[in-house]
């Protein structure tokens, strides 16, 4: 993908008095079977075509919210700290800073960064590895927010998901005090700044945070890996990566119980082509995107 503004700025919209821009850290590839769990390939491939290695194309969407008082970055992509081997495996492109430039947003303008969880593809540009090997905050004037349980889980380096956690994405920020660690409980909504709050939706990880955006009577939600793309809208189409897929299904039901009747704008973390949309029920009571 060439770093031009059409590729890097995936969408712009308004929500009440807020301005939203979806910026991309590029695309990457993951195994389609892992992304759709127990769903048979003939079903999911209709929505997400696989390449010759059974991989599907995914996006890395950072949402910038300008509230008038704050400039907020939700998620920060893969970043530049992967090993050469992992960068080749995933096809990581390290485009987010180019996307900021294309959108005429300086990293220094960001005063709030929120990570839904701390897998490397969601917090990689929290920090930047400099040419001399130092790790520095990418957003020097920002307060970062993440769940305390995510940091603690990452430190365990468990066989199941150790590869997902890169300590340089968060430990330096915790040590410096720049990252605030939240203790948000399951189903709890916790305010960050006016119009922005987080809510715990366990399943993908035990402390996955959705980010609520509310202004002018309208509501958007960055639901992160609970529903990673618009191809994952079916209640049971959860990922093989989820630590608790049964809980993910229950949490999707809880999410839809509000998001559908209230017509929330749903922001998708890994959908490169459809970064957001309003979810409705079709004639078979299946969730789909509103045309």
Protein backbone atom coordinates (compact mmCIF):
# COMPACT_ATOMS: atom_id res chain seq x y z
CA UNK A 1 0.00 0.00 0.00
CA UNK A 2 1.45 3.34 -1.00
CA UNK A 3 1.30 6.03 1.67
CA UNK A 4 -1.22 8.38 0.09
CA UNK A 5 -4.06 10.11 1.89
CA UNK A 6 -6.78 7.92 0.35
CA UNK A 7 -5.13 4.83 1.85
CA UNK A 8 -4.15 6.40 5.14
CA UNK A 9 -7.32 8.32 6.04
CA UNK A 10 -10.03 5.67 6.05
CA UNK A 11 -12.92 7.97 6.88
CA UNK A 12 -14.11 11.20 8.44
CA UNK A 13 -17.43 11.94 10.11
CA UNK A 14 -19.01 14.08 12.79
CA UNK A 15 -20.83 13.00 15.92
CA UNK A 16 -22.74 15.86 17.47
CA UNK A 17 -20.08 18.50 18.16
CA UNK A 18 -17.19 16.03 17.82
CA UNK A 19 -15.05 15.40 14.73
CA UNK A 20 -13.89 11.84 14.05
CA UNK A 21 -11.14 10.72 11.69
CA UNK A 22 -10.10 7.11 11.09
CA UNK A 23 -6.37 6.83 10.39
CA UNK A 24 -4.58 3.68 9.27
CA UNK A 25 -1.32 2.06 10.33
CA UNK A 26 -1.58 0.11 7.08
CA UNK A 27 -2.86 -3.39 6.51
CA UNK A 28 -1.64 -6.76 7.72
CA UNK A 29 -2.47 -10.43 7.31
CA UNK A 30 -3.78 -13.04 9.76
CA UNK A 31 -4.96 -16.59 9.24
CA UNK A 32 -8.64 -16.60 8.27
CA UNK A 33 -9.40 -19.70 10.32
CA UNK A 34 -7.98 -18.07 13.43
CA UNK A 35 -9.98 -14.91 12.75
CA UNK A 36 -13.27 -16.82 12.50
CA UNK A 37 -12.76 -19.64 14.99
CA UNK A 38 -15.12 -22.58 14.46
CA UNK A 39 -16.99 -20.95 11.55
CA UNK A 40 -16.48 -23.11 8.42
CA UNK A 41 -14.32 -21.53 5.73
CA UNK A 42 -16.99 -21.76 2.98
CA UNK A 43 -19.10 -19.40 5.10
CA UNK A 44 -16.55 -16.81 6.22
CA UNK A 45 -14.69 -16.70 2.91
CA UNK A 46 -17.76 -15.18 1.27
CA UNK A 47 -17.18 -12.11 3.41
CA UNK A 48 -13.40 -12.15 3.80
CA UNK A 49 -11.58 -13.77 0.84
CA UNK A 50 -8.41 -15.64 1.76
CA UNK A 51 -5.12 -15.68 -0.13
CA UNK A 52 -3.12 -18.80 -1.04
CA UNK A 53 -1.82 -19.04 2.54
CA UNK A 54 -5.35 -18.83 4.02
CA UNK A 55 -4.69 -15.29 5.23
CA UNK A 56 -7.18 -12.43 5.15
CA UNK A 57 -6.46 -8.73 4.82
CA UNK A 58 -7.06 -6.68 7.95
CA UNK A 59 -6.86 -2.99 8.77
CA UNK A 60 -5.33 -1.17 11.70
CA UNK A 61 -7.70 1.66 12.51
CA UNK A 62 -6.86 4.48 14.90
CA UNK A 63 -9.74 6.84 15.61
CA UNK A 64 -8.94 10.49 16.32
CA UNK A 65 -11.66 12.35 18.21
CA UNK A 66 -11.60 16.14 18.44
CA UNK A 67 -14.00 17.25 21.14
CA UNK A 68 -13.09 20.94 21.19
CA UNK A 69 -11.36 20.45 24.53
CA UNK A 70 -9.35 17.31 23.80
CA UNK A 71 -7.73 15.50 20.90
CA UNK A 72 -7.97 11.78 21.58
CA UNK A 73 -6.33 8.81 19.87
CA UNK A 74 -8.13 5.48 20.25
CA UNK A 75 -5.64 2.66 19.55
CA UNK A 76 -2.21 3.06 17.95
CA UNK A 77 -1.70 0.20 15.49
CA UNK A 78 1.30 -2.15 15.25
CA UNK A 79 4.10 0.40 15.48
CA UNK A 80 7.78 -0.12 14.70
CA UNK A 81 8.98 -2.53 17.37
CA UNK A 82 8.24 -5.91 15.78
CA UNK A 83 11.19 -8.15 14.99
CA UNK A 84 12.12 -8.43 11.32
CA UNK A 85 10.66 -11.94 11.26
CA UNK A 86 7.29 -10.90 12.69
CA UNK A 87 7.12 -7.82 10.47
CA UNK A 88 7.57 -10.11 7.45
CA UNK A 89 5.03 -12.66 8.69
CA UNK A 90 2.31 -10.07 9.24
CA UNK A 91 3.23 -7.77 6.38
CA UNK A 92 3.23 -4.84 8.81
CA UNK A 93 3.63 -1.47 7.12
CA UNK A 94 4.19 1.10 9.90
CA UNK A 95 2.04 3.81 8.31
CA UNK A 96 0.38 5.57 11.24
CA UNK A 97 2.72 8.54 11.45
CA UNK A 98 2.29 9.05 7.70
CA UNK A 99 -1.48 8.97 8.30
CA UNK A 100 -1.15 11.67 10.96
CA UNK A 101 0.77 13.83 8.50
CA UNK A 102 -1.81 13.22 5.76
CA UNK A 103 -4.57 14.29 8.18
CA UNK A 104 -2.54 17.36 9.28
CA UNK A 105 -2.49 16.17 12.90
CA UNK A 106 0.73 16.42 14.87
CA UNK A 107 1.47 13.71 17.47
CA UNK A 108 2.11 16.54 19.93
CA UNK A 109 -1.56 17.57 19.64
CA UNK A 110 -2.80 14.31 21.13
CA UNK A 111 -3.56 14.73 24.84
CA UNK A 112 -5.39 11.43 25.47
CA UNK A 113 -4.52 7.94 24.18
CA UNK A 114 -6.82 5.01 24.98
CA UNK A 115 -5.89 1.38 24.41
CA UNK A 116 -8.76 -1.13 24.32
CA UNK A 117 -6.23 -3.80 25.29
CA UNK A 118 -2.49 -4.28 24.97
CA UNK A 119 -2.03 -6.75 22.13
CA UNK A 120 0.76 -5.40 19.95
CA UNK A 121 -1.57 -4.58 17.04
CA UNK A 122 -3.53 -2.15 19.21
CA UNK A 123 -0.82 -0.24 21.09
CA UNK A 124 2.31 -0.46 18.94
CA UNK A 125 2.70 3.27 18.34
CA UNK A 126 2.20 4.10 22.01
CA UNK A 127 5.96 4.34 21.85
CA UNK A 128 8.52 4.63 19.07
CA UNK A 129 11.85 2.84 18.76
CA UNK A 130 14.37 5.47 17.65
CA UNK A 131 17.27 4.69 15.26
CA UNK A 132 19.63 4.46 18.24
CA UNK A 133 17.41 1.88 19.95
CA UNK A 134 15.72 4.07 22.55
CA UNK A 135 11.98 3.73 23.21
CA UNK A 136 10.21 7.08 23.58
CA UNK A 137 6.54 8.13 23.79
CA UNK A 138 5.08 8.76 20.34
CA UNK A 139 2.62 11.22 21.89
CA UNK A 140 4.74 13.21 24.36
CA UNK A 141 1.91 15.39 25.66
CA UNK A 142 -0.68 12.64 26.13
CA UNK A 143 -2.07 10.81 29.10
CA UNK A 144 -2.38 7.16 28.18
CA UNK A 145 -5.13 4.88 29.52
CA UNK A 146 -5.16 1.08 29.60
CA UNK A 147 -6.50 -1.60 31.92
CA UNK A 148 -4.27 -2.65 34.81
CA UNK A 149 -5.20 -6.28 34.20
CA UNK A 150 -3.81 -6.09 30.66
CA UNK A 151 -0.39 -5.01 31.92
CA UNK A 152 -0.43 -7.73 34.58
CA UNK A 153 -1.49 -10.37 32.07
CA UNK A 154 1.19 -9.29 29.61
CA UNK A 155 3.84 -9.66 32.29
CA UNK A 156 2.84 -13.30 32.86
CA UNK A 157 3.98 -14.23 29.32
CA UNK A 158 1.66 -17.23 29.16
CA UNK A 159 2.11 -19.79 26.41
CA UNK A 160 -1.36 -19.04 24.99
CA UNK A 161 -0.72 -15.38 24.10
CA UNK A 162 2.79 -14.29 25.08
CA UNK A 163 3.55 -13.27 21.50
CA UNK A 164 0.72 -10.72 21.64
CA UNK A 165 2.35 -8.62 24.36
CA UNK A 166 5.42 -6.43 23.76
CA UNK A 167 6.43 -4.73 26.99
CA UNK A 168 8.01 -1.75 25.24
CA UNK A 169 4.54 -0.68 24.16
CA UNK A 170 3.44 0.03 27.72
CA UNK A 171 6.01 -0.61 30.49
CA UNK A 172 8.02 2.59 29.84
CA UNK A 173 4.78 4.62 30.03
CA UNK A 174 3.74 2.93 33.26
CA UNK A 175 7.18 3.51 34.76
CA UNK A 176 7.15 7.20 33.86
CA UNK A 177 3.60 7.73 35.14
CA UNK A 178 2.38 8.78 31.70
CA UNK A 179 0.03 5.76 31.51
CA UNK A 180 -2.94 5.59 33.88
CA UNK A 181 -3.98 2.03 34.70
CA UNK A 182 -7.72 1.50 35.05
CA UNK A 183 -9.45 -1.07 37.24
CA UNK A 184 -12.69 -1.05 35.25
CA UNK A 185 -14.81 -4.06 36.16
CA UNK A 186 -16.82 -6.16 33.68
CA UNK A 187 -19.84 -4.19 32.39
CA UNK A 188 -18.71 -1.05 34.25
CA UNK A 189 -18.66 2.26 32.36
CA UNK A 190 -15.83 4.57 33.44
CA UNK A 191 -15.52 8.20 32.25
CA UNK A 192 -12.22 9.44 30.85
CA UNK A 193 -13.10 13.02 29.78
CA UNK A 194 -16.51 14.55 29.00
CA UNK A 195 -18.09 12.59 26.14
CA UNK A 196 -15.54 9.77 26.29
CA UNK A 197 -15.81 6.69 28.49
CA UNK A 198 -14.72 3.06 28.52
CA UNK A 199 -16.69 -0.09 29.30
CA UNK A 200 -15.33 -3.57 29.97
CA UNK A 201 -16.50 -6.31 27.56
CA UNK A 202 -14.57 -9.48 28.52
CA UNK A 203 -14.03 -12.35 26.13
CA UNK A 204 -11.24 -11.57 23.69
CA UNK A 205 -9.19 -10.72 26.75
CA UNK A 206 -10.41 -10.64 30.32
CA UNK A 207 -10.34 -6.83 30.41
CA UNK A 208 -11.18 -5.73 26.85
CA UNK A 209 -12.35 -2.10 26.87
CA UNK A 210 -14.84 -0.62 24.43
CA UNK A 211 -14.60 3.15 24.02
CA UNK A 212 -17.85 5.15 24.04
CA UNK A 213 -18.06 8.51 22.26
CA UNK A 214 -21.14 10.66 22.97
CA UNK A 215 -22.05 14.14 21.74
CA UNK A 216 -25.20 15.98 20.73
CA UNK A 217 -27.47 13.05 21.51
CA UNK A 218 -25.47 10.68 19.27
CA UNK A 219 -23.43 7.68 20.33
CA UNK A 220 -20.48 5.89 18.72
CA UNK A 221 -18.54 2.96 20.09
CA UNK A 222 -15.12 1.60 19.23
CA UNK A 223 -15.87 -2.01 20.07
CA UNK A 224 -12.35 -3.30 19.33
CA UNK A 225 -11.84 -7.06 19.05
CA UNK A 226 -15.24 -8.00 20.42
CA UNK A 227 -16.40 -7.40 16.80
CA UNK A 228 -13.16 -6.82 14.86
CA UNK A 229 -14.63 -6.31 11.36
CA UNK A 230 -18.00 -5.93 9.69
CA UNK A 231 -17.62 -9.56 8.55
CA UNK A 232 -17.87 -10.64 12.22
CA UNK A 233 -21.35 -9.25 12.98
CA UNK A 234 -23.01 -12.65 13.48
CA UNK A 235 -23.42 -13.33 17.18
CA UNK A 236 -21.44 -16.59 17.13
CA UNK A 237 -18.72 -15.58 14.64
CA UNK A 238 -16.07 -14.99 17.29
CA UNK A 239 -12.33 -15.37 16.86
CA UNK A 240 -10.09 -18.31 17.63
CA UNK A 241 -7.86 -15.74 19.34
CA UNK A 242 -10.51 -15.05 22.02
CA UNK A 243 -9.49 -16.31 25.45
CA UNK A 244 -13.15 -16.97 26.31
CA UNK A 245 -15.25 -17.34 23.14
CA UNK A 246 -18.42 -18.25 25.04
CA UNK A 247 -18.12 -15.02 27.02
CA UNK A 248 -17.50 -13.12 23.77
CA UNK A 249 -20.85 -14.36 22.44
CA UNK A 250 -22.64 -13.27 25.61
CA UNK A 251 -20.94 -9.86 25.52
CA UNK A 252 -21.91 -9.34 21.88
CA UNK A 253 -25.53 -9.95 22.84
CA UNK A 254 -25.20 -7.38 25.62
CA UNK A 255 -23.62 -4.89 23.22
CA UNK A 256 -26.27 -5.33 20.54
CA UNK A 257 -29.06 -4.95 23.09
CA UNK A 258 -28.18 -1.24 23.21
CA UNK A 259 -26.25 -0.55 20.02
CA UNK A 260 -28.96 -1.73 17.62
CA UNK A 261 -32.09 -0.05 19.03
CA UNK A 262 -30.16 3.15 19.84
CA UNK A 263 -28.49 3.16 16.38
CA UNK A 264 -24.94 3.56 17.61
CA UNK A 265 -22.20 4.20 15.09
CA UNK A 266 -19.98 1.13 15.48
CA UNK A 267 -16.27 1.67 14.81
CA UNK A 268 -14.37 -1.43 13.64
CA UNK A 269 -10.76 -1.86 14.67
CA UNK A 270 -9.60 -4.22 11.87
CA UNK A 271 -11.90 -3.45 8.92
CA UNK A 272 -9.81 -1.62 6.34
CA UNK A 273 -12.62 -1.13 3.84
CA UNK A 274 -15.56 -0.47 6.20
CA UNK A 275 -14.21 1.35 9.26
CA UNK A 276 -17.65 2.16 10.71
CA UNK A 277 -21.37 1.70 10.27
CA UNK A 278 -24.74 1.39 11.99
CA UNK A 279 -25.85 -2.16 12.81
CA UNK A 280 -29.47 -3.20 12.18
CA UNK A 281 -31.32 -6.52 12.11
CA UNK A 282 -32.37 -8.02 8.79
CA UNK A 283 -35.57 -9.96 8.09
CA UNK A 284 -33.98 -13.06 9.71
CA UNK A 285 -33.04 -11.09 12.85
CA UNK A 286 -29.35 -11.29 11.91
CA UNK A 287 -27.14 -8.23 12.51
CA UNK A 288 -26.04 -6.47 9.32
CA UNK A 289 -24.78 -3.02 8.45
CA UNK A 290 -27.36 -0.44 7.48
CA UNK A 291 -27.05 0.36 3.78
